[in-house]
Amino acid sequence: MNTVKCPECDAEITLEANTEVGEILVCPDCGVDLEITALEPASVELAPMEQEDWGE
C-alpha cells in the first residue's frame, strides 16, 4: 500500500491499490484536492483549480 503526504497540511494519505496517475483525491484532513502524479514512488500535487466559465 502506497502512502503520500498532503503538500498542504502534511497529513499521511493511504492510496487505494487501484489508484492511477492523474486521479484526483481529497485530503481527509484539510479537504484540498490532490492529483496523483506518480505511483512508484507515490507522489501527489495540489490539483489545478478548474476555471469557472460562469456560462460565458
PDB file of N, CA and C in Angstrom:
ATOM      1  N   MET A   1       0.840  -1.195   0.000  1.00  0.00           N
ATOM      2  CA  MET A   1       0.000   0.000   0.000  1.00  0.00           C
ATOM      3  C   MET A   1       0.878   1.250   0.000  1.00  0.00           C
ATOM      4  N   ASN A   2       0.626   2.141  -0.935  1.00  0.00           N
ATOM      5  CA  ASN A   2       1.386   3.382  -1.017  1.00  0.00           C
ATOM      6  C   ASN A   2       0.762   4.449  -0.127  1.00  0.00           C
ATOM      7  N   THR A   3       1.607   5.239   0.479  1.00  0.00           N
ATOM      8  CA  THR A   3       1.134   6.396   1.239  1.00  0.00           C
ATOM      9  C   THR A   3       1.869   7.634   0.737  1.00  0.00           C
ATOM     10  N   VAL A   4       1.193   8.764   0.826  1.00  0.00           N
ATOM     11  CA  VAL A   4       1.776  10.048   0.433  1.00  0.00           C
ATOM     12  C   VAL A   4       1.454  11.064   1.521  1.00  0.00           C
ATOM     13  N   LYS A   5       2.191  12.162   1.517  1.00  0.00           N
ATOM     14  CA  LYS A   5       1.906  13.254   2.456  1.00  0.00           C
ATOM     15  C   LYS A   5       1.227  14.382   1.698  1.00  0.00           C
ATOM     16  N   CYS A   6       0.189  14.930   2.289  1.00  0.00           N
ATOM     17  CA  CYS A   6      -0.513  16.070   1.702  1.00  0.00           C
ATOM     18  C   CYS A   6       0.440  17.263   1.689  1.00  0.00           C
ATOM     19  N   PRO A   7       0.625  17.905   0.519  1.00  0.00           N
ATOM     20  CA  PRO A   7       1.519  19.072   0.459  1.00  0.00           C
ATOM     21  C   PRO A   7       0.959  20.291   1.183  1.00  0.00           C
ATOM     22  N   GLU A   8      -0.327  20.273   1.493  1.00  0.00           N
ATOM     23  CA  GLU A   8      -0.967  21.413   2.156  1.00  0.00           C
ATOM     24  C   GLU A   8      -0.880  21.311   3.676  1.00  0.00           C
ATOM     25  N   CYS A   9      -1.228  20.136   4.236  1.00  0.00           N
ATOM     26  CA  CYS A   9      -1.294  20.018   5.701  1.00  0.00           C
ATOM     27  C   CYS A   9      -0.386  18.930   6.266  1.00  0.00           C
ATOM     28  N   ASP A  10       0.335  18.212   5.403  1.00  0.00           N
ATOM     29  CA  ASP A  10       1.298  17.185   5.818  1.00  0.00           C
ATOM     30  C   ASP A  10       0.641  15.927   6.384  1.00  0.00           C
ATOM     31  N   ALA A  11      -0.662  15.739   6.145  1.00  0.00           N
ATOM     32  CA  ALA A  11      -1.339  14.522   6.602  1.00  0.00           C
ATOM     33  C   ALA A  11      -0.884  13.342   5.757  1.00  0.00           C
ATOM     34  N   GLU A  12      -0.843  12.176   6.349  1.00  0.00           N
ATOM     35  CA  GLU A  12      -0.489  10.973   5.609  1.00  0.00           C
ATOM     36  C   GLU A  12      -1.754  10.381   4.998  1.00  0.00           C
ATOM     37  N   ILE A  13      -1.703  10.103   3.697  1.00  0.00           N
ATOM     38  CA  ILE A  13      -2.851   9.590   2.968  1.00  0.00           C
ATOM     39  C   ILE A  13      -2.469   8.243   2.367  1.00  0.00           C
ATOM     40  N   THR A  14      -3.309   7.234   2.580  1.00  0.00           N
ATOM     41  CA  THR A  14      -3.082   5.909   2.002  1.00  0.00           C
ATOM     42  C   THR A  14      -3.807   5.829   0.668  1.00  0.00           C
ATOM     43  N   LEU A  15      -3.063   5.444  -0.367  1.00  0.00           N
ATOM     44  CA  LEU A  15      -3.654   5.308  -1.691  1.00  0.00           C
ATOM     45  C   LEU A  15      -4.243   3.915  -1.856  1.00  0.00           C
ATOM     46  N   GLU A  16      -5.380   3.837  -2.533  1.00  0.00           N
ATOM     47  CA  GLU A  16      -6.010   2.554  -2.822  1.00  0.00           C
ATOM     48  C   GLU A  16      -5.138   1.768  -3.806  1.00  0.00           C
ATOM     49  N   ALA A  17      -5.302   0.459  -3.820  1.00  0.00           N
ATOM     50  CA  ALA A  17      -4.497  -0.405  -4.683  1.00  0.00           C
ATOM     51  C   ALA A  17      -4.724  -0.123  -6.165  1.00  0.00           C
ATOM     52  N   ASN A  18      -5.942   0.300  -6.538  1.00  0.00           N
ATOM     53  CA  ASN A  18      -6.249   0.519  -7.955  1.00  0.00           C
ATOM     54  C   ASN A  18      -6.110   1.982  -8.372  1.00  0.00           C
ATOM     55  N   THR A  19      -5.356   2.768  -7.616  1.00  0.00           N
ATOM     56  CA  THR A  19      -5.157   4.186  -7.915  1.00  0.00           C
ATOM     57  C   THR A  19      -4.339   4.347  -9.189  1.00  0.00           C
ATOM     58  N   GLU A  20      -4.685   5.362  -9.990  1.00  0.00           N
ATOM     59  CA  GLU A  20      -3.969   5.621 -11.235  1.00  0.00           C
ATOM     60  C   GLU A  20      -3.435   7.052 -11.269  1.00  0.00           C
ATOM     61  N   VAL A  21      -2.361   7.252 -12.030  1.00  0.00           N
ATOM     62  CA  VAL A  21      -1.792   8.588 -12.222  1.00  0.00           C
ATOM     63  C   VAL A  21      -2.844   9.469 -12.886  1.00  0.00           C
ATOM     64  N   GLY A  22      -2.968  10.698 -12.406  1.00  0.00           N
ATOM     65  CA  GLY A  22      -3.934  11.643 -12.951  1.00  0.00           C
ATOM     66  C   GLY A  22      -5.233  11.675 -12.166  1.00  0.00           C
ATOM     67  N   GLU A  23      -5.413  10.710 -11.280  1.00  0.00           N
ATOM     68  CA  GLU A  23      -6.632  10.664 -10.471  1.00  0.00           C
ATOM     69  C   GLU A  23      -6.625  11.804  -9.453  1.00  0.00           C
ATOM     70  N   ILE A  24      -7.800  12.291  -9.118  1.00  0.00           N
ATOM     71  CA  ILE A  24      -7.938  13.349  -8.113  1.00  0.00           C
ATOM     72  C   ILE A  24      -8.466  12.716  -6.830  1.00  0.00           C
ATOM     73  N   LEU A  25      -7.846  13.050  -5.717  1.00  0.00           N
ATOM     74  CA  LEU A  25      -8.349  12.602  -4.423  1.00  0.00           C
ATOM     75  C   LEU A  25      -8.431  13.796  -3.504  1.00  0.00           C
ATOM     76  N   VAL A  26      -9.164  13.630  -2.415  1.00  0.00           N
ATOM     77  CA  VAL A  26      -9.366  14.720  -1.462  1.00  0.00           C
ATOM     78  C   VAL A  26      -8.660  14.354  -0.163  1.00  0.00           C
ATOM     79  N   CYS A  27      -7.872  15.284   0.364  1.00  0.00           N
ATOM     80  CA  CYS A  27      -7.203  15.050   1.641  1.00  0.00           C
ATOM     81  C   CYS A  27      -8.267  14.930   2.734  1.00  0.00           C
ATOM     82  N   PRO A  28      -8.241  13.834   3.506  1.00  0.00           N
ATOM     83  CA  PRO A  28      -9.244  13.661   4.555  1.00  0.00           C
ATOM     84  C   PRO A  28      -9.094  14.659   5.709  1.00  0.00           C
ATOM     85  N   ASP A  29      -7.920  15.269   5.850  1.00  0.00           N
ATOM     86  CA  ASP A  29      -7.702  16.209   6.949  1.00  0.00           C
ATOM     87  C   ASP A  29      -8.090  17.646   6.585  1.00  0.00           C
ATOM     88  N   CYS A  30      -7.555  18.150   5.450  1.00  0.00           N
ATOM     89  CA  CYS A  30      -7.796  19.564   5.133  1.00  0.00           C
ATOM     90  C   CYS A  30      -8.772  19.765   3.985  1.00  0.00           C
ATOM     91  N   GLY A  31      -9.122  18.699   3.252  1.00  0.00           N
ATOM     92  CA  GLY A  31     -10.136  18.792   2.206  1.00  0.00           C
ATOM     93  C   GLY A  31      -9.653  19.322   0.870  1.00  0.00           C
ATOM     94  N   VAL A  32      -8.350  19.548   0.716  1.00  0.00           N
ATOM     95  CA  VAL A  32      -7.823  20.068  -0.547  1.00  0.00           C
ATOM     96  C   VAL A  32      -7.833  18.948  -1.602  1.00  0.00           C
ATOM     97  N   ASP A  33      -8.038  19.325  -2.875  1.00  0.00           N
ATOM     98  CA  ASP A  33      -7.984  18.358  -3.979  1.00  0.00           C
ATOM     99  C   ASP A  33      -6.534  18.114  -4.363  1.00  0.00           C
ATOM    100  N   LEU A  34      -6.177  16.846  -4.499  1.00  0.00           N
ATOM    101  CA  LEU A  34      -4.813  16.459  -4.858  1.00  0.00           C
ATOM    102  C   LEU A  34      -4.837  15.609  -6.114  1.00  0.00           C
ATOM    103  N   GLU A  35      -3.845  15.796  -6.973  1.00  0.00           N
ATOM    104  CA  GLU A  35      -3.716  14.986  -8.183  1.00  0.00           C
ATOM    105  C   GLU A  35      -2.540  14.039  -8.008  1.00  0.00           C
ATOM    106  N   ILE A  36      -2.768  12.763  -8.300  1.00  0.00           N
ATOM    107  CA  ILE A  36      -1.699  11.773  -8.220  1.00  0.00           C
ATOM    108  C   ILE A  36      -0.800  11.959  -9.434  1.00  0.00           C
ATOM    109  N   THR A  37       0.487  12.211  -9.189  1.00  0.00           N
ATOM    110  CA  THR A  37       1.424  12.487 -10.277  1.00  0.00           C
ATOM    111  C   THR A  37       2.359  11.318 -10.561  1.00  0.00           C
ATOM    112  N   ALA A  38       2.479  10.370  -9.631  1.00  0.00           N
ATOM    113  CA  ALA A  38       3.334   9.197  -9.835  1.00  0.00           C
ATOM    114  C   ALA A  38       2.925   8.117  -8.845  1.00  0.00           C
ATOM    115  N   LEU A  39       3.238   6.868  -9.193  1.00  0.00           N
ATOM    116  CA  LEU A  39       2.914   5.752  -8.305  1.00  0.00           C
ATOM    117  C   LEU A  39       4.151   5.068  -7.737  1.00  0.00           C
ATOM    118  N   GLU A  40       5.274   5.104  -8.442  1.00  0.00           N
ATOM    119  CA  GLU A  40       6.498   4.451  -7.969  1.00  0.00           C
ATOM    120  C   GLU A  40       7.658   5.417  -8.012  1.00  0.00           C
ATOM    121  N   PRO A  41       8.008   6.125  -6.970  1.00  0.00           N
ATOM    122  CA  PRO A  41       7.280   6.182  -5.697  1.00  0.00           C
ATOM    123  C   PRO A  41       6.039   7.066  -5.831  1.00  0.00           C
ATOM    124  N   ALA A  42       5.107   6.861  -4.950  1.00  0.00           N
ATOM    125  CA  ALA A  42       3.850   7.604  -4.969  1.00  0.00           C
ATOM    126  C   ALA A  42       4.099   9.081  -4.656  1.00  0.00           C
ATOM    127  N   SER A  43       3.454   9.961  -5.429  1.00  0.00           N
ATOM    128  CA  SER A  43       3.543  11.395  -5.135  1.00  0.00           C
ATOM    129  C   SER A  43       2.271  12.085  -5.609  1.00  0.00           C
ATOM    130  N   VAL A  44       1.958  13.188  -4.934  1.00  0.00           N
ATOM    131  CA  VAL A  44       0.779  13.983  -5.271  1.00  0.00           C
ATOM    132  C   VAL A  44       1.151  15.452  -5.313  1.00  0.00           C
ATOM    133  N   GLU A  45       0.354  16.225  -6.044  1.00  0.00           N
ATOM    134  CA  GLU A  45       0.488  17.683  -6.083  1.00  0.00           C
ATOM    135  C   GLU A  45      -0.891  18.274  -5.889  1.00  0.00           C
ATOM    136  N   LEU A  46      -0.934  19.541  -5.524  1.00  0.00           N
ATOM    137  CA  LEU A  46      -2.219  20.224  -5.459  1.00  0.00           C
ATOM    138  C   LEU A  46      -2.852  20.176  -6.842  1.00  0.00           C
ATOM    139  N   ALA A  47      -4.099  19.776  -6.913  1.00  0.00           N
ATOM    140  CA  ALA A  47      -4.792  19.684  -8.203  1.00  0.00           C
ATOM    141  C   ALA A  47      -5.009  21.081  -8.758  1.00  0.00           C
ATOM    142  N   PRO A  48      -4.876  21.232 -10.077  1.00  0.00           N
ATOM    143  CA  PRO A  48      -5.142  22.560 -10.661  1.00  0.00           C
ATOM    144  C   PRO A  48      -6.598  22.947 -10.449  1.00  0.00           C
ATOM    145  N   MET A  49      -6.822  24.192 -10.111  1.00  0.00           N
ATOM    146  CA  MET A  49      -8.180  24.671  -9.900  1.00  0.00           C
ATOM    147  C   MET A  49      -8.870  24.771 -11.247  1.00  0.00           C
ATOM    148  N   GLU A  50     -10.116  24.303 -11.318  1.00  0.00           N
ATOM    149  CA  GLU A  50     -10.861  24.417 -12.550  1.00  0.00           C
ATOM    150  C   GLU A  50     -11.379  25.838 -12.682  1.00  0.00           C
ATOM    151  N   GLN A  51     -11.208  26.379 -13.871  1.00  0.00           N
ATOM    152  CA  GLN A  51     -11.666  27.738 -14.116  1.00  0.00           C
ATOM    153  C   GLN A  51     -13.178  27.723 -14.372  1.00  0.00           C
ATOM    154  N   GLU A  52     -13.883  28.575 -13.669  1.00  0.00           N
ATOM    155  CA  GLU A  52     -15.318  28.692 -13.877  1.00  0.00           C
ATOM    156  C   GLU A  52     -15.565  29.572 -15.099  1.00  0.00           C
ATOM    157  N   ASP A  53     -16.464  29.143 -15.976  1.00  0.00           N
ATOM    158  CA  ASP A  53     -16.759  29.989 -17.138  1.00  0.00           C
ATOM    159  C   ASP A  53     -18.017  30.818 -16.933  1.00  0.00           C
ATOM    160  N   TRP A  54     -18.728  30.565 -15.832  1.00  0.00           N
ATOM    161  CA  TRP A  54     -19.913  31.331 -15.475  1.00  0.00           C
ATOM    162  C   TRP A  54     -20.897  31.448 -16.630  1.00  0.00           C
ATOM    163  N   GLY A  55     -20.948  30.419 -17.467  1.00  0.00           N
ATOM    164  CA  GLY A  55     -21.932  30.391 -18.552  1.00  0.00           C
ATOM    165  C   GLY A  55     -21.594  31.289 -19.726  1.00  0.00           C
ATOM    166  N   GLU A  56     -20.355  31.752 -19.814  1.00  0.00           N
ATOM    167  CA  GLU A  56     -19.981  32.640 -20.920  1.00  0.00           C
ATOM    168  C   GLU A  56     -19.742  31.850 -22.186  1.00  0.00           C
TER     169      GLU A  56
END
